[in-house]
Amino acid sequence: MLIMTKKELEKLDFESALNKLQEIVQSLENDSVTLDKSIELYEQGIILKEICNKRLQNAKMKVKNIDNKQEND
């Protein structure tokens, strides 16, 4: 599994970030990686979780803004 930089990860859309996070979880669950690699994957997983949360929050805000506009019309 390829380790990406934080800058590269931040460029991912929600679906890509979530897929990458799922790949990391599978790798960690399979016990097929070394301890050092596990730590790297864990760190990357934390970043991806934050990215996914941020993307979801942005989507929720957009939906809320659309709803507010509809109510005001």
C-alpha atoms as a PDB file:
ATOM      1  CA  MET A   1       0.000   0.000   0.000  1.00  0.00           C
ATOM      2  CA  LEU A   2       1.318   3.387  -1.038  1.00  0.00           C
ATOM      3  CA  ILE A   3       1.739   5.992   1.676  1.00  0.00           C
ATOM      4  CA  MET A   4       0.623   9.454   0.558  1.00  0.00           C
ATOM      5  CA  THR A   5       1.602  12.846   1.917  1.00  0.00           C
ATOM      6  CA  LYS A   6      -0.930  14.949   3.812  1.00  0.00           C
ATOM      7  CA  LYS A   7      -1.009  17.379   0.894  1.00  0.00           C
ATOM      8  CA  GLU A   8      -1.820  14.531  -1.521  1.00  0.00           C
ATOM      9  CA  LEU A   9      -4.501  13.197   0.797  1.00  0.00           C
ATOM     10  CA  GLU A  10      -6.162  16.599   1.105  1.00  0.00           C
ATOM     11  CA  LYS A  11      -6.654  16.647  -2.669  1.00  0.00           C
ATOM     12  CA  LEU A  12      -8.819  13.517  -2.531  1.00  0.00           C
ATOM     13  CA  ASP A  13     -12.576  13.811  -2.815  1.00  0.00           C
ATOM     14  CA  PHE A  14     -14.739  12.225  -0.124  1.00  0.00           C
ATOM     15  CA  GLU A  15     -15.247   8.907  -1.900  1.00  0.00           C
ATOM     16  CA  SER A  16     -11.547   8.464  -2.679  1.00  0.00           C
ATOM     17  CA  ALA A  17     -10.540   9.357   0.869  1.00  0.00           C
ATOM     18  CA  LEU A  18     -13.094   6.921   2.292  1.00  0.00           C
ATOM     19  CA  ASN A  19     -11.897   4.134  -0.030  1.00  0.00           C
ATOM     20  CA  LYS A  20      -8.298   4.774   0.991  1.00  0.00           C
ATOM     21  CA  LEU A  21      -9.322   4.693   4.653  1.00  0.00           C
ATOM     22  CA  GLN A  22     -11.105   1.369   4.120  1.00  0.00           C
ATOM     23  CA  GLU A  23      -7.973  -0.054   2.458  1.00  0.00           C
ATOM     24  CA  ILE A  24      -5.912   1.008   5.468  1.00  0.00           C
ATOM     25  CA  VAL A  25      -8.351  -0.622   7.884  1.00  0.00           C
ATOM     26  CA  GLN A  26      -8.204  -3.867   5.896  1.00  0.00           C
ATOM     27  CA  SER A  27      -4.406  -3.810   5.870  1.00  0.00           C
ATOM     28  CA  LEU A  28      -4.255  -3.259   9.609  1.00  0.00           C
ATOM     29  CA  GLU A  29      -6.812  -5.985  10.289  1.00  0.00           C
ATOM     30  CA  ASN A  30      -4.963  -8.537   8.153  1.00  0.00           C
ATOM     31  CA  ASP A  31      -1.801  -8.316  10.273  1.00  0.00           C
ATOM     32  CA  SER A  32       0.208  -8.479   7.070  1.00  0.00           C
ATOM     33  CA  VAL A  33       2.229  -5.325   7.715  1.00  0.00           C
ATOM     34  CA  THR A  34       5.154  -4.597   9.968  1.00  0.00           C
ATOM     35  CA  LEU A  35       4.832  -2.552  13.137  1.00  0.00           C
ATOM     36  CA  ASP A  36       6.484   0.474  11.516  1.00  0.00           C
ATOM     37  CA  LYS A  37       4.208   0.232   8.485  1.00  0.00           C
ATOM     38  CA  SER A  38       1.200  -0.151  10.806  1.00  0.00           C
ATOM     39  CA  ILE A  39       2.104   3.094  12.543  1.00  0.00           C
ATOM     40  CA  GLU A  40       2.464   4.897   9.210  1.00  0.00           C
ATOM     41  CA  LEU A  41      -0.893   3.548   8.058  1.00  0.00           C
ATOM     42  CA  TYR A  42      -2.507   4.523  11.361  1.00  0.00           C
ATOM     43  CA  GLU A  43      -1.199   8.091  11.027  1.00  0.00           C
ATOM     44  CA  GLN A  44      -2.492   8.264   7.471  1.00  0.00           C
ATOM     45  CA  GLY A  45      -5.834   6.854   8.606  1.00  0.00           C
ATOM     46  CA  ILE A  46      -6.212   9.615  11.188  1.00  0.00           C
ATOM     47  CA  ILE A  47      -5.582  12.236   8.496  1.00  0.00           C
ATOM     48  CA  LEU A  48      -8.094  10.553   6.181  1.00  0.00           C
ATOM     49  CA  LYS A  49     -10.702  10.431   8.957  1.00  0.00           C
ATOM     50  CA  GLU A  50     -10.288  14.164   9.492  1.00  0.00           C
ATOM     51  CA  ILE A  51     -10.550  14.804   5.746  1.00  0.00           C
ATOM     52  CA  CYS A  52     -13.722  12.711   5.478  1.00  0.00           C
ATOM     53  CA  ASN A  53     -15.252  14.482   8.480  1.00  0.00           C
ATOM     54  CA  LYS A  54     -14.422  17.873   6.974  1.00  0.00           C
ATOM     55  CA  ARG A  55     -15.944  16.898   3.607  1.00  0.00           C
ATOM     56  CA  LEU A  56     -19.106  15.659   5.346  1.00  0.00           C
ATOM     57  CA  GLN A  57     -19.413  18.847   7.400  1.00  0.00           C
ATOM     58  CA  ASN A  58     -19.064  20.924   4.217  1.00  0.00           C
ATOM     59  CA  ALA A  59     -21.738  18.846   2.507  1.00  0.00           C
ATOM     60  CA  LYS A  60     -24.081  19.250   5.489  1.00  0.00           C
ATOM     61  CA  MET A  61     -23.579  23.014   5.428  1.00  0.00           C
ATOM     62  CA  LYS A  62     -24.343  23.153   1.697  1.00  0.00           C
ATOM     63  CA  VAL A  63     -27.553  21.172   2.202  1.00  0.00           C
ATOM     64  CA  LYS A  64     -28.510  23.396   5.132  1.00  0.00           C
ATOM     65  CA  ASN A  65     -27.899  26.511   3.019  1.00  0.00           C
ATOM     66  CA  ILE A  66     -30.044  25.085   0.219  1.00  0.00           C
ATOM     67  CA  ASP A  67     -32.821  24.296   2.688  1.00  0.00           C
ATOM     68  CA  ASN A  68     -32.614  27.804   4.144  1.00  0.00           C
ATOM     69  CA  LYS A  69     -32.851  29.348   0.674  1.00  0.00           C
ATOM     70  CA  GLN A  70     -35.894  27.204  -0.105  1.00  0.00           C
ATOM     71  CA  GLU A  71     -37.610  28.288   3.115  1.00  0.00           C
ATOM     72  CA  ASN A  72     -36.958  31.963   2.353  1.00  0.00           C
ATOM     73  CA  ASP A  73     -38.384  31.779  -1.176  1.00  0.00           C
END
